[in-house]
Amino acid sequence: MFLGIEWYWWVVIIVVIVSIPFKVKFMNWWSKRQQEEKRNQHGKWGDDE
C-alpha cells in the first residue's frame, strides 16, 4: 500500500489521467465532424441520399 491506497487504485487513477487528453482530442474531432455534417446537409432534398 502506498499512501494508504491499494495498488489497483493507482492503476485506475493512472489510466484515468492518461485517457483525459485522448478524450479531449476525440471531443474536438467529434464537434468538427458534426459541424461538417451540418454544413453538408444544406442544399439536400430531405433525408434521401
N, C-alpha and C. Protein backbone atom coordinates (compact mmCIF):
# COMPACT_ATOMS: atom_id res chain seq x y z
N MET A 1 0.84 -1.20 0.00
CA MET A 1 0.00 0.00 0.00
C MET A 1 0.87 1.24 0.00
N PHE A 2 0.52 2.16 -0.88
CA PHE A 2 1.25 3.42 -0.99
C PHE A 2 0.27 4.56 -0.71
N LEU A 3 0.56 5.36 0.28
CA LEU A 3 -0.34 6.43 0.74
C LEU A 3 -1.71 5.88 1.14
N GLY A 4 -1.74 4.65 1.61
CA GLY A 4 -2.98 4.07 2.10
C GLY A 4 -3.93 3.59 1.03
N ILE A 5 -3.47 3.52 -0.23
CA ILE A 5 -4.33 3.08 -1.33
C ILE A 5 -3.76 1.79 -1.91
N GLU A 6 -4.64 0.85 -2.21
CA GLU A 6 -4.20 -0.41 -2.81
C GLU A 6 -3.62 -0.16 -4.20
N TRP A 7 -2.80 -1.09 -4.69
CA TRP A 7 -2.10 -0.89 -5.96
C TRP A 7 -3.07 -0.75 -7.13
N TYR A 8 -4.19 -1.47 -7.11
CA TYR A 8 -5.08 -1.42 -8.27
C TYR A 8 -5.77 -0.06 -8.38
N TRP A 9 -5.92 0.66 -7.26
CA TRP A 9 -6.49 2.01 -7.35
C TRP A 9 -5.51 2.96 -8.03
N TRP A 10 -4.21 2.73 -7.81
CA TRP A 10 -3.22 3.55 -8.52
C TRP A 10 -3.29 3.30 -10.01
N VAL A 11 -3.52 2.03 -10.41
CA VAL A 11 -3.66 1.71 -11.83
C VAL A 11 -4.87 2.45 -12.41
N VAL A 12 -5.98 2.43 -11.69
CA VAL A 12 -7.19 3.13 -12.15
C VAL A 12 -6.93 4.62 -12.29
N ILE A 13 -6.30 5.21 -11.29
CA ILE A 13 -6.01 6.66 -11.32
C ILE A 13 -5.12 7.00 -12.51
N ILE A 14 -4.08 6.22 -12.76
CA ILE A 14 -3.17 6.48 -13.88
C ILE A 14 -3.90 6.36 -15.21
N VAL A 15 -4.73 5.33 -15.36
CA VAL A 15 -5.47 5.15 -16.61
C VAL A 15 -6.40 6.34 -16.86
N VAL A 16 -7.07 6.83 -15.83
CA VAL A 16 -7.97 7.97 -15.98
C VAL A 16 -7.18 9.21 -16.40
N ILE A 17 -6.06 9.46 -15.74
CA ILE A 17 -5.25 10.65 -16.05
C ILE A 17 -4.71 10.58 -17.48
N VAL A 18 -4.27 9.40 -17.90
CA VAL A 18 -3.72 9.25 -19.24
C VAL A 18 -4.81 9.38 -20.30
N SER A 19 -6.03 8.95 -20.00
CA SER A 19 -7.10 8.97 -21.00
C SER A 19 -7.71 10.35 -21.21
N ILE A 20 -7.51 11.28 -20.29
CA ILE A 20 -8.14 12.60 -20.41
C ILE A 20 -7.72 13.33 -21.70
N PRO A 21 -6.43 13.42 -22.05
CA PRO A 21 -6.08 14.12 -23.30
C PRO A 21 -6.69 13.45 -24.53
N PHE A 22 -6.78 12.12 -24.54
CA PHE A 22 -7.39 11.43 -25.67
C PHE A 22 -8.87 11.77 -25.77
N LYS A 23 -9.54 11.87 -24.63
CA LYS A 23 -10.96 12.23 -24.64
C LYS A 23 -11.14 13.64 -25.17
N VAL A 24 -10.27 14.56 -24.77
CA VAL A 24 -10.37 15.95 -25.25
C VAL A 24 -10.18 15.99 -26.75
N LYS A 25 -9.18 15.26 -27.26
CA LYS A 25 -8.95 15.23 -28.71
C LYS A 25 -10.15 14.64 -29.43
N PHE A 26 -10.73 13.57 -28.88
CA PHE A 26 -11.89 12.95 -29.51
C PHE A 26 -13.07 13.91 -29.52
N MET A 27 -13.30 14.63 -28.43
CA MET A 27 -14.43 15.56 -28.38
C MET A 27 -14.24 16.69 -29.40
N ASN A 28 -13.02 17.19 -29.54
CA ASN A 28 -12.76 18.23 -30.54
C ASN A 28 -13.01 17.70 -31.95
N TRP A 29 -12.52 16.48 -32.23
CA TRP A 29 -12.72 15.88 -33.54
C TRP A 29 -14.21 15.66 -33.81
N TRP A 30 -14.94 15.19 -32.79
CA TRP A 30 -16.36 14.90 -32.95
C TRP A 30 -17.14 16.17 -33.25
N SER A 31 -16.83 17.27 -32.54
CA SER A 31 -17.56 18.52 -32.78
C SER A 31 -17.27 19.05 -34.19
N LYS A 32 -16.02 18.94 -34.65
CA LYS A 32 -15.71 19.36 -36.02
C LYS A 32 -16.46 18.50 -37.03
N ARG A 33 -16.53 17.21 -36.78
CA ARG A 33 -17.24 16.29 -37.68
C ARG A 33 -18.72 16.62 -37.74
N GLN A 34 -19.32 16.93 -36.59
CA GLN A 34 -20.74 17.27 -36.56
C GLN A 34 -20.99 18.58 -37.32
N GLN A 35 -20.09 19.54 -37.18
CA GLN A 35 -20.24 20.81 -37.91
C GLN A 35 -20.13 20.58 -39.41
N GLU A 36 -19.22 19.72 -39.83
CA GLU A 36 -19.08 19.40 -41.26
C GLU A 36 -20.34 18.75 -41.78
N GLU A 37 -20.93 17.82 -41.01
CA GLU A 37 -22.16 17.16 -41.45
C GLU A 37 -23.30 18.17 -41.56
N LYS A 38 -23.41 19.09 -40.62
CA LYS A 38 -24.46 20.11 -40.71
C LYS A 38 -24.25 20.97 -41.95
N ARG A 39 -23.01 21.33 -42.22
CA ARG A 39 -22.70 22.17 -43.36
C ARG A 39 -23.03 21.45 -44.67
N ASN A 40 -22.78 20.13 -44.71
CA ASN A 40 -23.02 19.37 -45.92
C ASN A 40 -24.49 19.07 -46.15
N GLN A 41 -25.33 19.20 -45.13
CA GLN A 41 -26.75 18.91 -45.29
C GLN A 41 -27.49 20.04 -45.99
N HIS A 42 -26.94 21.23 -46.03
CA HIS A 42 -27.60 22.35 -46.70
C HIS A 42 -27.66 22.07 -48.19
N GLY A 43 -28.82 22.25 -48.76
CA GLY A 43 -28.98 22.05 -50.19
C GLY A 43 -29.41 20.66 -50.58
N LYS A 44 -29.60 19.76 -49.64
CA LYS A 44 -30.07 18.42 -49.96
C LYS A 44 -31.59 18.40 -49.91
N TRP A 45 -32.17 17.40 -50.58
CA TRP A 45 -33.62 17.26 -50.60
C TRP A 45 -34.02 16.30 -49.48
N GLY A 46 -34.42 16.81 -48.34
CA GLY A 46 -34.93 15.98 -47.26
C GLY A 46 -33.89 15.01 -46.75
N ASP A 47 -34.34 13.76 -46.47
CA ASP A 47 -33.47 12.75 -45.87
C ASP A 47 -32.91 11.77 -46.88
N ASP A 48 -33.34 11.85 -48.15
CA ASP A 48 -32.82 10.86 -49.11
C ASP A 48 -31.41 11.19 -49.52
N GLU A 49 -30.60 10.15 -49.65
CA GLU A 49 -29.19 10.37 -50.00
C GLU A 49 -28.82 9.59 -51.23
